[in-house]
């Protein structure tokens, strides 16, 4: 009966694991919904901020040519790569894919630079562990920050330090590598140039156009003006620039960079919880298959033991007769 005892122990362990993974899946579903709602709100804020920017510089694009935050350095010598990952594991290939993509991006895009010219800042402990021994420079005072501690107020303060280093030339380009959700179950890795903000503006313009079309489609059963307002449209002449264009641009561009980094962080959170939900769902299904298999083995072994006992009893009775 040692085999029955061992199977029973394994069966109890599989059931316990199934309960745990099922509970973790439900937690991830709840966190995923909250993360999706937050990402949607932040995305709309980004579109509204972009609309203000476009209204401010409308017809005055020449003034942006000499703006360092917008145009950047001609040949960047010091690069900061921000990698967004999670603080915990058990989310499939989420952390591995973003860390490997960041390393491949560095090797491909900055092969001419030495590692002393490339800094990696990790938001998420898993990325920090991955890059801890890679030998990249520390362009900031810290090299890693837990993802759950990087809310917008803290991120905004931290981004002010990055922009200060950028304006002084210590950092001449900033990229962010993160996972963007395709749907609840899948994600893709994205590399986005954060500073200078010219590439962010192009990304925002494409997103705004898509958002506008969706808003106008929804307005077929409602108010067109309301749909355009939700799409963050501003009519010419609606924005008055005070005190002057240069000071407004100087305060607006850092906010654009910080808000788009926060949007990337929110999208990374959505992808993380989606990946963990999928991983826990697969683990629960695997545990269910294992429980069925162990139950079958247990019942067969138990039936075999009962059959052997009956044979012994019948054989003993026959011998006595």
C-alpha atoms as a PDB file:
ATOM      1  CA  UNK A   1       0.000   0.000   0.000  1.00  0.00           C
ATOM      2  CA  UNK A   2       3.048   2.284  -0.162  1.00  0.00           C
ATOM      3  CA  UNK A   3       2.063   3.142  -3.746  1.00  0.00           C
ATOM      4  CA  UNK A   4      -1.424   4.229  -2.681  1.00  0.00           C
ATOM      5  CA  UNK A   5      -0.003   6.451   0.060  1.00  0.00           C
ATOM      6  CA  UNK A   6       2.433   8.099  -2.335  1.00  0.00           C
ATOM      7  CA  UNK A   7      -0.287   8.712  -4.928  1.00  0.00           C
ATOM      8  CA  UNK A   8      -2.595  10.154  -2.285  1.00  0.00           C
ATOM      9  CA  UNK A   9       0.141  12.567  -1.186  1.00  0.00           C
ATOM     10  CA  UNK A  10       0.783  13.679  -4.767  1.00  0.00           C
ATOM     11  CA  UNK A  11      -2.965  14.056  -5.349  1.00  0.00           C
ATOM     12  CA  UNK A  12      -3.370  16.277  -2.285  1.00  0.00           C
ATOM     13  CA  UNK A  13      -0.384  18.354  -3.403  1.00  0.00           C
ATOM     14  CA  UNK A  14      -1.832  18.800  -6.932  1.00  0.00           C
ATOM     15  CA  UNK A  15      -5.203  19.872  -5.512  1.00  0.00           C
ATOM     16  CA  UNK A  16      -3.508  22.380  -3.224  1.00  0.00           C
ATOM     17  CA  UNK A  17      -1.518  23.780  -6.136  1.00  0.00           C
ATOM     18  CA  UNK A  18      -4.668  24.037  -8.248  1.00  0.00           C
ATOM     19  CA  UNK A  19      -6.438  26.023  -5.527  1.00  0.00           C
ATOM     20  CA  UNK A  20      -3.445  28.364  -5.252  1.00  0.00           C
ATOM     21  CA  UNK A  21      -3.090  29.010  -8.993  1.00  0.00           C
ATOM     22  CA  UNK A  22      -6.847  29.465  -9.367  1.00  0.00           C
ATOM     23  CA  UNK A  23      -6.836  32.085  -6.597  1.00  0.00           C
ATOM     24  CA  UNK A  24      -3.853  33.858  -8.167  1.00  0.00           C
ATOM     25  CA  UNK A  25      -5.651  33.877 -11.509  1.00  0.00           C
ATOM     26  CA  UNK A  26      -8.685  35.592  -9.978  1.00  0.00           C
ATOM     27  CA  UNK A  27      -6.434  38.174  -8.283  1.00  0.00           C
ATOM     28  CA  UNK A  28      -4.720  38.856 -11.622  1.00  0.00           C
ATOM     29  CA  UNK A  29      -8.097  39.289 -13.349  1.00  0.00           C
ATOM     30  CA  UNK A  30      -9.081  41.931 -10.790  1.00  0.00           C
ATOM     31  CA  UNK A  31      -5.734  43.741 -11.068  1.00  0.00           C
ATOM     32  CA  UNK A  32      -5.880  43.541 -14.864  1.00  0.00           C
ATOM     33  CA  UNK A  33      -9.219  45.367 -14.971  1.00  0.00           C
ATOM     34  CA  UNK A  34      -7.920  48.136 -12.709  1.00  0.00           C
ATOM     35  CA  UNK A  35      -4.726  48.446 -14.769  1.00  0.00           C
ATOM     36  CA  UNK A  36      -6.729  48.626 -18.014  1.00  0.00           C
ATOM     37  CA  UNK A  37      -8.927  51.414 -16.635  1.00  0.00           C
ATOM     38  CA  UNK A  38      -5.877  53.365 -15.468  1.00  0.00           C
ATOM     39  CA  UNK A  39      -4.101  52.945 -18.817  1.00  0.00           C
ATOM     40  CA  UNK A  40      -7.204  54.181 -20.670  1.00  0.00           C
ATOM     41  CA  UNK A  41      -7.406  57.315 -18.530  1.00  0.00           C
ATOM     42  CA  UNK A  42      -3.694  58.057 -18.880  1.00  0.00           C
ATOM     43  CA  UNK A  43      -3.865  57.537 -22.648  1.00  0.00           C
ATOM     44  CA  UNK A  44      -6.637  60.101 -22.931  1.00  0.00           C
ATOM     45  CA  UNK A  45      -4.593  62.529 -20.833  1.00  0.00           C
ATOM     46  CA  UNK A  46      -1.662  62.028 -23.240  1.00  0.00           C
ATOM     47  CA  UNK A  47      -3.884  62.775 -26.210  1.00  0.00           C
ATOM     48  CA  UNK A  48      -5.224  65.936 -24.596  1.00  0.00           C
ATOM     49  CA  UNK A  49      -1.710  67.096 -23.754  1.00  0.00           C
ATOM     50  CA  UNK A  50      -0.636  66.407 -27.332  1.00  0.00           C
ATOM     51  CA  UNK A  51      -3.588  68.431 -28.630  1.00  0.00           C
ATOM     52  CA  UNK A  52      -2.528  71.379 -26.462  1.00  0.00           C
ATOM     53  CA  UNK A  53       1.020  71.058 -27.795  1.00  0.00           C
ATOM     54  CA  UNK A  54      -0.165  71.008 -31.419  1.00  0.00           C
ATOM     55  CA  UNK A  55      -2.405  74.010 -30.834  1.00  0.00           C
ATOM     56  CA  UNK A  56       0.464  75.938 -29.222  1.00  0.00           C
ATOM     57  CA  UNK A  57       3.040  75.275 -31.987  1.00  0.00           C
ATOM     58  CA  UNK A  58       0.553  75.439 -34.879  1.00  0.00           C
ATOM     59  CA  UNK A  59       2.292  77.471 -37.577  1.00  0.00           C
ATOM     60  CA  UNK A  60       5.315  78.080 -35.349  1.00  0.00           C
ATOM     61  CA  UNK A  61       7.279  74.862 -35.985  1.00  0.00           C
ATOM     62  CA  UNK A  62      10.436  76.878 -36.731  1.00  0.00           C
ATOM     63  CA  UNK A  63      10.743  77.749 -33.055  1.00  0.00           C
ATOM     64  CA  UNK A  64      11.202  74.040 -32.235  1.00  0.00           C
ATOM     65  CA  UNK A  65      14.321  73.611 -34.365  1.00  0.00           C
ATOM     66  CA  UNK A  66      16.638  74.907 -31.656  1.00  0.00           C
ATOM     67  CA  UNK A  67      14.785  73.232 -28.765  1.00  0.00           C
ATOM     68  CA  UNK A  68      17.034  70.598 -27.206  1.00  0.00           C
ATOM     69  CA  UNK A  69      14.197  68.580 -25.649  1.00  0.00           C
ATOM     70  CA  UNK A  70      12.437  68.399 -28.997  1.00  0.00           C
ATOM     71  CA  UNK A  71      15.259  67.951 -31.513  1.00  0.00           C
ATOM     72  CA  UNK A  72      17.959  66.419 -29.311  1.00  0.00           C
ATOM     73  CA  UNK A  73      21.673  65.924 -29.940  1.00  0.00           C
ATOM     74  CA  UNK A  74      23.001  65.302 -33.443  1.00  0.00           C
ATOM     75  CA  UNK A  75      25.134  62.298 -32.417  1.00  0.00           C
ATOM     76  CA  UNK A  76      24.275  61.050 -28.905  1.00  0.00           C
ATOM     77  CA  UNK A  77      27.302  59.893 -26.909  1.00  0.00           C
ATOM     78  CA  UNK A  78      25.627  58.909 -23.622  1.00  0.00           C
ATOM     79  CA  UNK A  79      22.434  56.868 -23.754  1.00  0.00           C
ATOM     80  CA  UNK A  80      19.988  55.889 -21.012  1.00  0.00           C
ATOM     81  CA  UNK A  81      17.758  52.864 -21.594  1.00  0.00           C
ATOM     82  CA  UNK A  82      14.778  52.498 -19.249  1.00  0.00           C
ATOM     83  CA  UNK A  83      13.514  48.916 -18.948  1.00  0.00           C
ATOM     84  CA  UNK A  84      10.020  48.302 -17.547  1.00  0.00           C
ATOM     85  CA  UNK A  85       9.447  44.880 -16.001  1.00  0.00           C
ATOM     86  CA  UNK A  86       7.682  43.474 -12.929  1.00  0.00           C
ATOM     87  CA  UNK A  87       8.672  43.016  -9.297  1.00  0.00           C
ATOM     88  CA  UNK A  88       7.499  39.401  -9.166  1.00  0.00           C
ATOM     89  CA  UNK A  89       7.685  36.331 -11.335  1.00  0.00           C
ATOM     90  CA  UNK A  90       5.093  33.693 -12.232  1.00  0.00           C
ATOM     91  CA  UNK A  91       4.015  35.653 -15.313  1.00  0.00           C
ATOM     92  CA  UNK A  92       5.337  33.490 -18.108  1.00  0.00           C
ATOM     93  CA  UNK A  93       7.964  35.000 -20.411  1.00  0.00           C
ATOM     94  CA  UNK A  94       6.950  38.585 -19.613  1.00  0.00           C
ATOM     95  CA  UNK A  95      10.159  39.610 -17.808  1.00  0.00           C
ATOM     96  CA  UNK A  96      12.496  37.534 -19.945  1.00  0.00           C
ATOM     97  CA  UNK A  97      11.131  38.905 -23.221  1.00  0.00           C
ATOM     98  CA  UNK A  98      11.408  42.575 -22.245  1.00  0.00           C
ATOM     99  CA  UNK A  99      14.916  42.192 -20.757  1.00  0.00           C
ATOM    100  CA  UNK A 100      16.238  40.297 -23.761  1.00  0.00           C
ATOM    101  CA  UNK A 101      14.622  42.782 -26.138  1.00  0.00           C
ATOM    102  CA  UNK A 102      16.306  45.653 -24.269  1.00  0.00           C
ATOM    103  CA  UNK A 103      19.692  43.939 -24.508  1.00  0.00           C
ATOM    104  CA  UNK A 104      19.197  43.226 -28.222  1.00  0.00           C
ATOM    105  CA  UNK A 105      18.179  46.863 -28.789  1.00  0.00           C
ATOM    106  CA  UNK A 106      21.359  48.081 -27.070  1.00  0.00           C
ATOM    107  CA  UNK A 107      23.597  45.746 -29.097  1.00  0.00           C
ATOM    108  CA  UNK A 108      21.905  46.639 -32.378  1.00  0.00           C
ATOM    109  CA  UNK A 109      21.390  50.395 -32.007  1.00  0.00           C
ATOM    110  CA  UNK A 110      24.434  51.375 -29.944  1.00  0.00           C
ATOM    111  CA  UNK A 111      27.159  49.049 -31.163  1.00  0.00           C
ATOM    112  CA  UNK A 112      29.464  52.058 -31.651  1.00  0.00           C
ATOM    113  CA  UNK A 113      29.255  52.962 -27.949  1.00  0.00           C
ATOM    114  CA  UNK A 114      31.063  51.274 -25.085  1.00  0.00           C
ATOM    115  CA  UNK A 115      29.185  49.999 -22.053  1.00  0.00           C
ATOM    116  CA  UNK A 116      30.526  52.924 -20.035  1.00  0.00           C
ATOM    117  CA  UNK A 117      28.478  55.225 -22.300  1.00  0.00           C
ATOM    118  CA  UNK A 118      25.232  53.243 -21.934  1.00  0.00           C
ATOM    119  CA  UNK A 119      23.192  53.343 -18.758  1.00  0.00           C
ATOM    120  CA  UNK A 120      20.317  50.993 -17.929  1.00  0.00           C
ATOM    121  CA  UNK A 121      17.692  52.034 -15.414  1.00  0.00           C
ATOM    122  CA  UNK A 122      15.321  49.258 -14.408  1.00  0.00           C
ATOM    123  CA  UNK A 123      11.790  49.858 -13.183  1.00  0.00           C
ATOM    124  CA  UNK A 124      10.874  46.477 -11.727  1.00  0.00           C
ATOM    125  CA  UNK A 125      13.059  44.222  -9.586  1.00  0.00           C
ATOM    126  CA  UNK A 126      13.210  41.450 -12.203  1.00  0.00           C
ATOM    127  CA  UNK A 127      14.842  43.774 -14.732  1.00  0.00           C
ATOM    128  CA  UNK A 128      17.194  45.024 -12.021  1.00  0.00           C
ATOM    129  CA  UNK A 129      18.310  41.469 -11.280  1.00  0.00           C
ATOM    130  CA  UNK A 130      18.809  40.740 -14.975  1.00  0.00           C
ATOM    131  CA  UNK A 131      21.021  43.774 -15.668  1.00  0.00           C
ATOM    132  CA  UNK A 132      22.849  43.844 -12.311  1.00  0.00           C
ATOM    133  CA  UNK A 133      25.836  41.883 -13.628  1.00  0.00           C
ATOM    134  CA  UNK A 134      25.848  43.132 -17.240  1.00  0.00           C
ATOM    135  CA  UNK A 135      28.350  45.916 -16.611  1.00  0.00           C
ATOM    136  CA  UNK A 136      26.387  48.873 -17.980  1.00  0.00           C
ATOM    137  CA  UNK A 137      27.158  52.353 -16.676  1.00  0.00           C
ATOM    138  CA  UNK A 138      25.208  54.014 -13.893  1.00  0.00           C
ATOM    139  CA  UNK A 139      24.277  57.383 -15.376  1.00  0.00           C
ATOM    140  CA  UNK A 140      21.943  58.106 -12.462  1.00  0.00           C
ATOM    141  CA  UNK A 141      22.480  57.753  -8.733  1.00  0.00           C
ATOM    142  CA  UNK A 142      20.331  54.606  -8.675  1.00  0.00           C
ATOM    143  CA  UNK A 143      20.040  51.702 -11.111  1.00  0.00           C
ATOM    144  CA  UNK A 144      16.682  50.145 -10.179  1.00  0.00           C
ATOM    145  CA  UNK A 145      13.331  51.056  -8.691  1.00  0.00           C
ATOM    146  CA  UNK A 146      10.450  48.713  -7.729  1.00  0.00           C
ATOM    147  CA  UNK A 147       7.615  49.036 -10.213  1.00  0.00           C
ATOM    148  CA  UNK A 148       4.928  49.228  -7.521  1.00  0.00           C
ATOM    149  CA  UNK A 149       6.611  52.321  -6.028  1.00  0.00           C
ATOM    150  CA  UNK A 150       6.751  54.317  -9.269  1.00  0.00           C
ATOM    151  CA  UNK A 151       3.483  56.242  -9.237  1.00  0.00           C
ATOM    152  CA  UNK A 152       3.142  59.452 -11.256  1.00  0.00           C
ATOM    153  CA  UNK A 153       4.251  61.958  -8.548  1.00  0.00           C
ATOM    154  CA  UNK A 154       7.433  59.967  -7.881  1.00  0.00           C
ATOM    155  CA  UNK A 155       8.007  59.316 -11.569  1.00  0.00           C
ATOM    156  CA  UNK A 156       7.593  63.020 -12.344  1.00  0.00           C
ATOM    157  CA  UNK A 157      10.239  63.973  -9.763  1.00  0.00           C
ATOM    158  CA  UNK A 158      12.572  61.277 -11.081  1.00  0.00           C
ATOM    159  CA  UNK A 159      11.998  62.429 -14.670  1.00  0.00           C
ATOM    160  CA  UNK A 160      12.982  65.973 -13.665  1.00  0.00           C
ATOM    161  CA  UNK A 161      16.416  64.594 -12.707  1.00  0.00           C
ATOM    162  CA  UNK A 162      16.685  62.785 -16.054  1.00  0.00           C
ATOM    163  CA  UNK A 163      15.815  65.984 -17.954  1.00  0.00           C
ATOM    164  CA  UNK A 164      18.334  67.927 -15.869  1.00  0.00           C
ATOM    165  CA  UNK A 165      21.061  65.432 -16.869  1.00  0.00           C
ATOM    166  CA  UNK A 166      19.800  65.586 -20.456  1.00  0.00           C
ATOM    167  CA  UNK A 167      20.055  69.366 -20.639  1.00  0.00           C
ATOM    168  CA  UNK A 168      23.546  69.296 -19.130  1.00  0.00           C
ATOM    169  CA  UNK A 169      24.703  66.672 -21.672  1.00  0.00           C
ATOM    170  CA  UNK A 170      25.384  63.884 -19.182  1.00  0.00           C
ATOM    171  CA  UNK A 171      22.571  61.947 -20.879  1.00  0.00           C
ATOM    172  CA  UNK A 172      21.988  62.657 -24.563  1.00  0.00           C
ATOM    173  CA  UNK A 173      19.249  60.187 -25.445  1.00  0.00           C
ATOM    174  CA  UNK A 174      16.625  58.219 -23.486  1.00  0.00           C
ATOM    175  CA  UNK A 175      14.842  55.090 -24.718  1.00  0.00           C
ATOM    176  CA  UNK A 176      12.182  53.058 -22.933  1.00  0.00           C
ATOM    177  CA  UNK A 177      11.658  49.328 -23.502  1.00  0.00           C
ATOM    178  CA  UNK A 178       8.379  47.868 -22.284  1.00  0.00           C
ATOM    179  CA  UNK A 179       5.658  45.345 -23.040  1.00  0.00           C
ATOM    180  CA  UNK A 180       2.530  46.679 -24.679  1.00  0.00           C
ATOM    181  CA  UNK A 181      -0.664  44.602 -24.384  1.00  0.00           C
ATOM    182  CA  UNK A 182      -2.137  43.305 -27.636  1.00  0.00           C
ATOM    183  CA  UNK A 183      -5.082  41.764 -25.796  1.00  0.00           C
ATOM    184  CA  UNK A 184      -5.655  40.324 -22.334  1.00  0.00           C
ATOM    185  CA  UNK A 185      -3.647  37.194 -23.109  1.00  0.00           C
ATOM    186  CA  UNK A 186      -0.796  38.406 -25.341  1.00  0.00           C
ATOM    187  CA  UNK A 187       1.671  41.273 -25.442  1.00  0.00           C
ATOM    188  CA  UNK A 188       4.451  42.630 -27.641  1.00  0.00           C
ATOM    189  CA  UNK A 189       7.710  44.342 -26.720  1.00  0.00           C
ATOM    190  CA  UNK A 190       8.027  47.962 -27.807  1.00  0.00           C
ATOM    191  CA  UNK A 191      11.082  50.236 -27.936  1.00  0.00           C
ATOM    192  CA  UNK A 192      10.222  53.942 -27.804  1.00  0.00           C
ATOM    193  CA  UNK A 193      12.513  56.957 -27.947  1.00  0.00           C
ATOM    194  CA  UNK A 194      11.517  59.172 -25.022  1.00  0.00           C
ATOM    195  CA  UNK A 195      14.044  62.005 -25.267  1.00  0.00           C
ATOM    196  CA  UNK A 196      14.102  63.930 -27.510  1.00  0.00           C
ATOM    197  CA  UNK A 197      10.323  64.007 -27.643  1.00  0.00           C
ATOM    198  CA  UNK A 198       9.987  64.365 -31.426  1.00  0.00           C
ATOM    199  CA  UNK A 199       9.368  60.622 -31.852  1.00  0.00           C
ATOM    200  CA  UNK A 200       6.847  60.662 -29.011  1.00  0.00           C
ATOM    201  CA  UNK A 201       4.965  63.397 -30.835  1.00  0.00           C
ATOM    202  CA  UNK A 202       4.803  61.285 -34.006  1.00  0.00           C
ATOM    203  CA  UNK A 203       3.521  58.352 -31.964  1.00  0.00           C
ATOM    204  CA  UNK A 204       0.946  60.580 -30.290  1.00  0.00           C
ATOM    205  CA  UNK A 205      -0.240  62.043 -33.594  1.00  0.00           C
ATOM    206  CA  UNK A 206      -0.940  58.556 -34.969  1.00  0.00           C
ATOM    207  CA  UNK A 207      -2.751  57.594 -31.760  1.00  0.00           C
ATOM    208  CA  UNK A 208      -4.761  60.821 -31.811  1.00  0.00           C
ATOM    209  CA  UNK A 209      -5.888  60.202 -35.386  1.00  0.00           C
ATOM    210  CA  UNK A 210      -6.993  56.688 -34.470  1.00  0.00           C
ATOM    211  CA  UNK A 211      -8.767  58.011 -31.371  1.00  0.00           C
ATOM    212  CA  UNK A 212     -10.476  60.738 -33.422  1.00  0.00           C
ATOM    213  CA  UNK A 213     -11.828  58.228 -35.928  1.00  0.00           C
ATOM    214  CA  UNK A 214     -13.188  56.064 -33.126  1.00  0.00           C
ATOM    215  CA  UNK A 215     -14.764  59.114 -31.515  1.00  0.00           C
ATOM    216  CA  UNK A 216     -16.433  60.200 -34.741  1.00  0.00           C
ATOM    217  CA  UNK A 217     -17.679  56.665 -35.375  1.00  0.00           C
ATOM    218  CA  UNK A 218     -19.241  56.666 -31.924  1.00  0.00           C
ATOM    219  CA  UNK A 219     -20.763  60.069 -32.673  1.00  0.00           C
ATOM    220  CA  UNK A 220     -22.967  58.582 -35.402  1.00  0.00           C
ATOM    221  CA  UNK A 221     -25.450  57.885 -32.607  1.00  0.00           C
ATOM    222  CA  UNK A 222     -24.627  61.001 -30.619  1.00  0.00           C
ATOM    223  CA  UNK A 223     -23.132  64.477 -30.772  1.00  0.00           C
ATOM    224  CA  UNK A 224     -20.229  65.052 -33.217  1.00  0.00           C
ATOM    225  CA  UNK A 225     -18.911  67.997 -31.189  1.00  0.00           C
ATOM    226  CA  UNK A 226     -18.820  65.886 -28.048  1.00  0.00           C
ATOM    227  CA  UNK A 227     -16.929  63.168 -29.897  1.00  0.00           C
ATOM    228  CA  UNK A 228     -14.371  65.680 -31.143  1.00  0.00           C
ATOM    229  CA  UNK A 229     -14.011  67.039 -27.607  1.00  0.00           C
ATOM    230  CA  UNK A 230     -13.336  63.512 -26.280  1.00  0.00           C
ATOM    231  CA  UNK A 231     -10.735  63.165 -29.027  1.00  0.00           C
ATOM    232  CA  UNK A 232      -9.011  66.230 -27.533  1.00  0.00           C
ATOM    233  CA  UNK A 233      -9.492  68.519 -30.532  1.00  0.00           C
ATOM    234  CA  UNK A 234      -8.878  72.234 -30.303  1.00  0.00           C
ATOM    235  CA  UNK A 235     -10.044  74.669 -32.939  1.00  0.00           C
ATOM    236  CA  UNK A 236      -7.550  77.299 -34.225  1.00  0.00           C
ATOM    237  CA  UNK A 237      -7.551  80.388 -32.056  1.00  0.00           C
ATOM    238  CA  UNK A 238      -8.925  78.609 -28.986  1.00  0.00           C
ATOM    239  CA  UNK A 239      -5.548  78.592 -27.208  1.00  0.00           C
ATOM    240  CA  UNK A 240      -3.964  81.797 -25.979  1.00  0.00           C
ATOM    241  CA  UNK A 241      -0.231  81.610 -25.203  1.00  0.00           C
ATOM    242  CA  UNK A 242       0.884  83.432 -22.040  1.00  0.00           C
ATOM    243  CA  UNK A 243       3.431  84.721 -21.167  1.00  0.00           C
ATOM    244  CA  UNK A 244       5.326  83.630 -24.320  1.00  0.00           C
ATOM    245  CA  UNK A 245       5.794  80.585 -26.555  1.00  0.00           C
ATOM    246  CA  UNK A 246       9.291  79.682 -25.333  1.00  0.00           C
ATOM    247  CA  UNK A 247       8.348  79.465 -21.663  1.00  0.00           C
ATOM    248  CA  UNK A 248       5.191  77.469 -22.443  1.00  0.00           C
ATOM    249  CA  UNK A 249       7.147  75.000 -24.601  1.00  0.00           C
ATOM    250  CA  UNK A 250       9.834  74.779 -21.913  1.00  0.00           C
ATOM    251  CA  UNK A 251       7.280  73.676 -19.328  1.00  0.00           C
ATOM    252  CA  UNK A 252       5.193  71.548 -21.697  1.00  0.00           C
ATOM    253  CA  UNK A 253       7.834  69.212 -23.163  1.00  0.00           C
ATOM    254  CA  UNK A 254       9.035  67.766 -19.809  1.00  0.00           C
ATOM    255  CA  UNK A 255       5.407  66.977 -18.973  1.00  0.00           C
ATOM    256  CA  UNK A 256       5.014  65.220 -22.334  1.00  0.00           C
ATOM    257  CA  UNK A 257       8.063  63.020 -21.639  1.00  0.00           C
ATOM    258  CA  UNK A 258       6.968  62.217 -18.071  1.00  0.00           C
ATOM    259  CA  UNK A 259       3.369  61.454 -19.019  1.00  0.00           C
ATOM    260  CA  UNK A 260       4.328  59.202 -21.928  1.00  0.00           C
ATOM    261  CA  UNK A 261       6.742  57.299 -19.681  1.00  0.00           C
ATOM    262  CA  UNK A 262       3.904  56.865 -17.187  1.00  0.00           C
ATOM    263  CA  UNK A 263       1.664  55.637 -20.012  1.00  0.00           C
ATOM    264  CA  UNK A 264       4.333  53.052 -20.902  1.00  0.00           C
ATOM    265  CA  UNK A 265       4.442  52.026 -17.236  1.00  0.00           C
ATOM    266  CA  UNK A 266       0.634  51.643 -17.161  1.00  0.00           C
ATOM    267  CA  UNK A 267       0.645  49.583 -20.359  1.00  0.00           C
ATOM    268  CA  UNK A 268       3.443  47.430 -18.965  1.00  0.00           C
ATOM    269  CA  UNK A 269       1.306  46.814 -15.869  1.00  0.00           C
ATOM    270  CA  UNK A 270      -1.622  45.722 -18.066  1.00  0.00           C
ATOM    271  CA  UNK A 271       0.645  43.336 -19.985  1.00  0.00           C
ATOM    272  CA  UNK A 272       2.104  41.967 -16.742  1.00  0.00           C
ATOM    273  CA  UNK A 273      -1.251  41.157 -15.156  1.00  0.00           C
ATOM    274  CA  UNK A 274      -2.500  39.705 -18.443  1.00  0.00           C
ATOM    275  CA  UNK A 275       0.592  37.495 -18.674  1.00  0.00           C
ATOM    276  CA  UNK A 276       0.216  36.379 -15.056  1.00  0.00           C
ATOM    277  CA  UNK A 277      -3.488  35.661 -15.557  1.00  0.00           C
ATOM    278  CA  UNK A 278      -2.659  33.540 -18.611  1.00  0.00           C
ATOM    279  CA  UNK A 279       0.168  31.727 -16.820  1.00  0.00           C
ATOM    280  CA  UNK A 280      -1.995  30.952 -13.800  1.00  0.00           C
ATOM    281  CA  UNK A 281      -4.847  29.812 -16.034  1.00  0.00           C
ATOM    282  CA  UNK A 282      -2.512  27.399 -17.822  1.00  0.00           C
ATOM    283  CA  UNK A 283      -1.119  26.200 -14.495  1.00  0.00           C
ATOM    284  CA  UNK A 284      -4.650  25.577 -13.208  1.00  0.00           C
ATOM    285  CA  UNK A 285      -5.529  23.605 -16.338  1.00  0.00           C
ATOM    286  CA  UNK A 286      -2.305  21.588 -16.042  1.00  0.00           C
ATOM    287  CA  UNK A 287      -3.078  20.842 -12.405  1.00  0.00           C
ATOM    288  CA  UNK A 288      -6.549  19.659 -13.419  1.00  0.00           C
ATOM    289  CA  UNK A 289      -5.031  17.273 -15.981  1.00  0.00           C
ATOM    290  CA  UNK A 290      -2.549  16.000 -13.415  1.00  0.00           C
ATOM    291  CA  UNK A 291      -5.327  15.436 -10.865  1.00  0.00           C
ATOM    292  CA  UNK A 292      -7.308  13.402 -13.412  1.00  0.00           C
ATOM    293  CA  UNK A 293      -4.238  11.328 -14.243  1.00  0.00           C
ATOM    294  CA  UNK A 294      -3.381  10.717 -10.584  1.00  0.00           C
ATOM    295  CA  UNK A 295      -6.999   9.861  -9.781  1.00  0.00           C
ATOM    296  CA  UNK A 296      -7.001   7.284 -12.563  1.00  0.00           C
ATOM    297  CA  UNK A 297      -3.755   5.732 -11.335  1.00  0.00           C
ATOM    298  CA  UNK A 298      -4.986   5.776  -7.736  1.00  0.00           C
ATOM    299  CA  UNK A 299      -8.277   4.083  -8.640  1.00  0.00           C
ATOM    300  CA  UNK A 300      -6.536   1.455 -10.775  1.00  0.00           C
ATOM    301  CA  UNK A 301      -4.022   0.679  -8.027  1.00  0.00           C
ATOM    302  CA  UNK A 302      -6.764   0.577  -5.396  1.00  0.00           C
ATOM    303  CA  UNK A 303      -8.926  -1.673  -7.604  1.00  0.00           C
ATOM    304  CA  UNK A 304      -5.935  -3.939  -8.211  1.00  0.00           C
ATOM    305  CA  UNK A 305      -5.339  -4.226  -4.457  1.00  0.00           C
ATOM    306  CA  UNK A 306      -8.999  -5.072  -3.799  1.00  0.00           C
ATOM    307  CA  UNK A 307      -8.955  -7.680  -6.579  1.00  0.00           C
ATOM    308  CA  UNK A 308      -5.833  -9.314  -5.145  1.00  0.00           C
ATOM    309  CA  UNK A 309      -7.399  -9.442  -1.670  1.00  0.00           C
ATOM    310  CA  UNK A 310     -10.564 -11.078  -3.069  1.00  0.00           C
ATOM    311  CA  UNK A 311      -8.465 -13.661  -4.914  1.00  0.00           C
ATOM    312  CA  UNK A 312      -6.600 -14.472  -1.698  1.00  0.00           C
ATOM    313  CA  UNK A 313      -9.860 -14.861   0.239  1.00  0.00           C
ATOM    314  CA  UNK A 314     -11.428 -17.089  -2.436  1.00  0.00           C
ATOM    315  CA  UNK A 315      -8.228 -19.162  -2.717  1.00  0.00           C
ATOM    316  CA  UNK A 316      -8.117 -19.620   1.077  1.00  0.00           C
ATOM    317  CA  UNK A 317     -11.777 -20.659   1.220  1.00  0.00           C
ATOM    318  CA  UNK A 318     -11.270 -23.113  -1.633  1.00  0.00           C
ATOM    319  CA  UNK A 319      -8.241 -24.668   0.052  1.00  0.00           C
ATOM    320  CA  UNK A 320     -10.157 -25.201   3.312  1.00  0.00           C
ATOM    321  CA  UNK A 321     -13.083 -26.749   1.483  1.00  0.00           C
END
